[in-house]
Every structure is written in structure tokens, then in C-alpha cells.
Amino acid sequence: MNRLYLPDAENPYQRDVLFAVELLDPVSLTLVSRNVTVAAPPLARRPRLSFGGRFVWLREGNAWPDKVIVDPGELPYEREEQGRPPLPADPEHPLEVELLARVVLRPTRAYPFPDGVTVVRGRFDESAAAPPQRITDAEVWLQWFDSDTGDWSGDAASTFTRTGDSGEFAAFLRLAPSAKPQLAGR
């Protein structure tokens, strides 16, 4: 009888994950991981990119990120900076959900919005000033009136953007596929 040879099992390779960030495109609802830089100061090491497209930092002693900075480079998204992510309740045995931060990217005017997405692109300026002064870093979002409920819908928490250095913005609206919007006025 032939014997089955089983080599000694190797110890599994284990990494101590400190923290991970995923970047979400709010229009396509896909993860963004190429041609973008993510930093989490004061962590010294650069993140590793996981197979799932998340940016992962390994433990560096007791260090924890003070903020998360997303530099989209040439991609059509705004630069993002978020405050300190919350520490896990039990740092020695954290839950996976406590180690993951999601950053929802904000499209710029250059974003190639697909058909079927309601978009308003524009520029804000203070026209009373001579010459007109651009309004920068202002929050912009879309709201709509629901004639069925008689309420206004949409808020800054859902999908907001900010005006850029030139006062330009691109605000978009995602409606449910079952929605049947009607235009009021012309």
C-alpha cells in the first residue's frame, strides 16, 4: 500500500493589521485604488494595497492615525482630509469593522458622469464685488420636492460637494430606479 506523504504544515503567515481605508466612488459605487495616494499621519509606513482594493497599514507599535488624507492626483475627485478614526474598543482584539474606514470621494466638474445621473455643474461668485469674487469651499448639494409626501428630500449628509478654488462645483443626485421624477417649471 502506498503511503500518502504530507509535508509538515507551515505556520501561516500573519500580519498585524492596524487600520484600513477604502475609497468609494459615489456615482459608480466601486472602490477606487489606482492612481491615488492615501496617507495616515503620523504613521511612518506607506499603506499596502490589498487584493480587494483597500489601503492597509500594519501595526507600528502603539501608533494610531491622527487623520486620513486622500490625494486623487489627476483623478476627477476632490482632495479629502478626514479626522482621527475612532480607536477600537479593545485594541488587542479589534473587530474587523473597527479597523476599516470608508472615504466617499467627491467628484469634480471633470468627472465623466454617465447617462441617467442628474448633475448640476456650475460656479459660484459674488457678482456684487468688482471684479466678481469666487466663492470657494462652500458646501453644495441638491434637494428635491417629493409631491407624494409633500416633503423636501436630499441633504448635505447624502451627497455633497464643495466649491473649488475657482468657485466651480459638480453636484449630482442618485434616485431609486423606481422613482419617476417630473420636471416642474421651465
Protein backbone atom coordinates (compact mmCIF):
# COMPACT_ATOMS: atom_id res chain seq x y z
CA MET A 1 0.00 0.00 0.00
CA ASN A 2 1.30 3.44 -0.94
CA ARG A 3 1.63 5.92 1.82
CA LEU A 4 0.46 9.46 1.33
CA TYR A 5 3.25 11.90 2.05
CA LEU A 6 2.16 15.07 3.80
CA PRO A 7 4.89 17.59 4.49
CA ASP A 8 4.85 19.32 7.82
CA ALA A 9 2.32 22.09 7.74
CA GLU A 10 3.89 25.53 7.59
CA ASN A 11 2.92 28.14 10.07
CA PRO A 12 0.50 30.55 8.47
CA TYR A 13 1.87 33.95 7.60
CA GLN A 14 0.18 36.51 9.79
CA ARG A 15 0.26 40.29 9.64
CA ASP A 16 -0.95 42.59 12.36
CA VAL A 17 -3.30 44.97 10.59
CA LEU A 18 -3.63 48.32 12.30
CA PHE A 19 -6.07 50.09 10.05
CA ALA A 20 -7.52 50.04 6.51
CA VAL A 21 -9.16 52.63 4.25
CA GLU A 22 -11.46 52.06 1.30
CA LEU A 23 -12.23 54.80 -1.21
CA LEU A 24 -15.72 54.71 -2.69
CA ASP A 25 -16.78 56.36 -5.95
CA PRO A 26 -20.32 57.59 -5.06
CA VAL A 27 -21.52 57.54 -8.67
CA SER A 28 -20.40 54.08 -9.79
CA LEU A 29 -20.35 52.65 -6.23
CA THR A 30 -16.98 51.00 -6.94
CA LEU A 31 -13.76 51.09 -4.94
CA VAL A 32 -11.01 53.40 -6.18
CA SER A 33 -7.43 52.27 -5.58
CA ARG A 34 -5.35 53.18 -8.64
CA ASN A 35 -3.54 56.46 -9.25
CA VAL A 36 -4.45 57.82 -5.84
CA THR A 37 -2.33 58.42 -2.72
CA VAL A 38 -3.61 57.79 0.80
CA ALA A 39 -1.71 58.85 3.92
CA ALA A 40 -2.48 58.45 7.63
CA PRO A 41 -0.07 60.63 9.61
CA PRO A 42 1.78 60.12 11.87
CA LEU A 43 2.14 56.54 10.63
CA ALA A 44 5.59 56.27 9.08
CA ARG A 45 4.99 53.41 6.68
CA ARG A 46 3.06 53.67 3.47
CA PRO A 47 -0.06 51.53 3.16
CA ARG A 48 -0.16 48.25 1.29
CA LEU A 49 -2.86 47.70 -1.28
CA SER A 50 -4.97 44.63 -0.53
CA PHE A 51 -6.35 42.34 -3.23
CA GLY A 52 -9.76 43.83 -2.50
CA GLY A 53 -8.56 47.37 -3.30
CA ARG A 54 -8.23 48.69 0.24
CA PHE A 55 -5.27 50.61 1.65
CA VAL A 56 -3.90 48.72 4.67
CA TRP A 57 -1.44 49.84 7.33
CA LEU A 58 0.35 47.38 9.59
CA ARG A 59 0.94 47.98 13.29
CA GLU A 60 3.69 50.42 14.22
CA GLY A 61 3.95 49.99 17.97
CA ASN A 62 1.10 51.90 19.61
CA ALA A 63 0.73 54.47 16.81
CA TRP A 64 -2.75 55.36 15.53
CA PRO A 65 -3.57 57.71 12.65
CA ASP A 66 -4.48 61.31 13.52
CA LYS A 67 -6.19 61.79 10.17
CA VAL A 68 -6.64 60.28 6.72
CA ILE A 69 -5.55 62.27 3.68
CA VAL A 70 -6.59 61.29 0.14
CA ASP A 71 -4.74 62.91 -2.76
CA PRO A 72 -6.51 61.94 -6.01
CA GLY A 73 -3.71 63.25 -8.20
CA GLU A 74 -5.11 63.60 -11.72
CA LEU A 75 -8.32 61.68 -10.96
CA PRO A 76 -11.57 63.71 -11.10
CA TYR A 77 -12.15 63.78 -7.34
CA GLU A 78 -11.67 66.41 -4.66
CA ARG A 79 -8.80 66.08 -2.18
CA GLU A 80 -10.13 64.64 1.09
CA GLU A 81 -8.98 65.01 4.66
CA GLN A 82 -10.83 63.26 7.48
CA GLY A 83 -10.21 63.50 11.19
CA ARG A 84 -8.88 60.86 13.54
CA PRO A 85 -10.61 57.50 13.07
CA PRO A 86 -12.11 56.08 16.29
CA LEU A 87 -9.95 53.66 18.25
CA PRO A 88 -11.24 50.09 18.56
CA ALA A 89 -12.98 49.31 21.85
CA ASP A 90 -10.42 46.56 22.55
CA PRO A 91 -7.18 47.45 20.69
CA GLU A 92 -5.70 43.99 21.38
CA HIS A 93 -8.69 42.19 19.84
CA PRO A 94 -10.36 44.62 17.44
CA LEU A 95 -13.33 43.71 15.31
CA GLU A 96 -12.77 43.92 11.55
CA VAL A 97 -15.39 46.65 11.22
CA GLU A 98 -13.46 48.80 13.73
CA LEU A 99 -10.34 48.69 11.54
CA LEU A 100 -11.97 49.87 8.31
CA ALA A 101 -12.67 53.48 7.38
CA ARG A 102 -14.67 54.36 4.27
CA VAL A 103 -14.00 57.60 2.45
CA VAL A 104 -16.69 58.59 -0.04
CA LEU A 105 -14.96 60.56 -2.77
CA ARG A 106 -16.46 63.78 -4.16
CA PRO A 107 -16.45 64.11 -7.95
CA THR A 108 -15.15 67.32 -9.50
CA ARG A 109 -16.57 69.06 -12.57
CA ALA A 110 -14.20 66.94 -14.68
CA TYR A 111 -15.87 63.68 -13.60
CA PRO A 112 -17.36 61.79 -16.59
CA PHE A 113 -20.89 61.38 -15.23
CA PRO A 114 -22.76 58.58 -17.07
CA ASP A 115 -26.19 58.87 -18.64
CA GLY A 116 -29.03 58.61 -16.13
CA VAL A 117 -27.33 60.64 -13.39
CA THR A 118 -28.79 64.06 -12.59
CA VAL A 119 -25.91 66.54 -12.39
CA VAL A 120 -25.69 70.27 -11.90
CA ARG A 121 -22.34 71.82 -12.79
CA GLY A 122 -21.72 75.46 -12.08
CA ARG A 123 -19.68 78.20 -10.46
CA PHE A 124 -20.48 80.50 -7.56
CA ASP A 125 -19.17 84.02 -7.40
CA GLU A 126 -20.02 87.22 -5.61
CA SER A 127 -21.18 89.34 -8.52
CA ALA A 128 -21.69 92.46 -6.40
CA ALA A 129 -17.92 92.72 -6.00
CA ALA A 130 -15.84 94.25 -8.78
CA PRO A 131 -14.27 92.13 -10.14
CA PRO A 132 -16.54 89.21 -9.12
CA GLN A 133 -15.00 87.18 -6.28
CA ARG A 134 -15.18 83.40 -6.49
CA ILE A 135 -16.90 81.63 -3.60
CA THR A 136 -14.60 78.81 -2.52
CA ASP A 137 -15.02 75.89 -0.12
CA ALA A 138 -18.82 76.26 0.06
CA GLU A 139 -20.92 73.11 0.51
CA VAL A 140 -23.28 72.37 -2.38
CA TRP A 141 -25.96 69.67 -2.62
CA LEU A 142 -29.21 69.07 -4.43
CA GLN A 143 -32.67 68.85 -2.87
CA TRP A 144 -35.92 67.87 -4.50
CA PHE A 145 -39.58 68.12 -3.62
CA ASP A 146 -41.44 64.83 -3.31
CA SER A 147 -45.00 65.56 -4.43
CA ASP A 148 -46.20 62.23 -2.98
CA THR A 149 -45.11 63.05 0.57
CA GLY A 150 -45.09 66.84 0.33
CA ASP A 151 -41.55 66.95 1.74
CA TRP A 152 -38.18 68.13 0.53
CA SER A 153 -35.60 65.35 0.17
CA GLY A 154 -31.82 65.38 -0.02
CA ASP A 155 -29.37 66.79 2.44
CA ALA A 156 -25.70 67.57 2.79
CA ALA A 157 -25.07 64.24 4.52
CA SER A 158 -26.03 62.24 1.43
CA THR A 159 -24.02 63.59 -1.49
CA PHE A 160 -22.48 67.00 -1.05
CA THR A 161 -19.58 68.64 -2.76
CA ARG A 162 -17.57 71.81 -2.16
CA THR A 163 -16.75 74.62 -4.50
CA GLY A 164 -13.14 74.58 -5.68
CA ASP A 165 -10.59 77.40 -5.90
CA SER A 166 -12.40 78.87 -8.91
CA GLY A 167 -15.86 78.54 -7.31
CA GLU A 168 -16.75 75.62 -9.61
CA PHE A 169 -18.72 72.57 -8.48
CA ALA A 170 -20.49 69.45 -9.72
CA ALA A 171 -23.41 68.24 -7.59
CA PHE A 172 -25.21 65.03 -8.52
CA LEU A 173 -28.32 63.20 -7.47
CA ARG A 174 -28.95 59.48 -7.39
CA LEU A 175 -32.61 58.48 -7.45
CA ALA A 176 -34.00 54.99 -6.94
CA PRO A 177 -34.67 53.13 -10.20
CA SER A 178 -38.37 53.09 -9.30
CA ALA A 179 -38.51 56.91 -8.99
CA LYS A 180 -40.41 58.77 -11.69
CA PRO A 181 -39.25 62.37 -11.46
CA GLN A 182 -41.29 65.09 -13.08
CA LEU A 183 -39.89 68.45 -14.02
CA ALA A 184 -41.78 71.40 -12.60
CA GLY A 185 -41.48 74.74 -14.37
CA ARG A 186 -39.21 75.58 -17.23
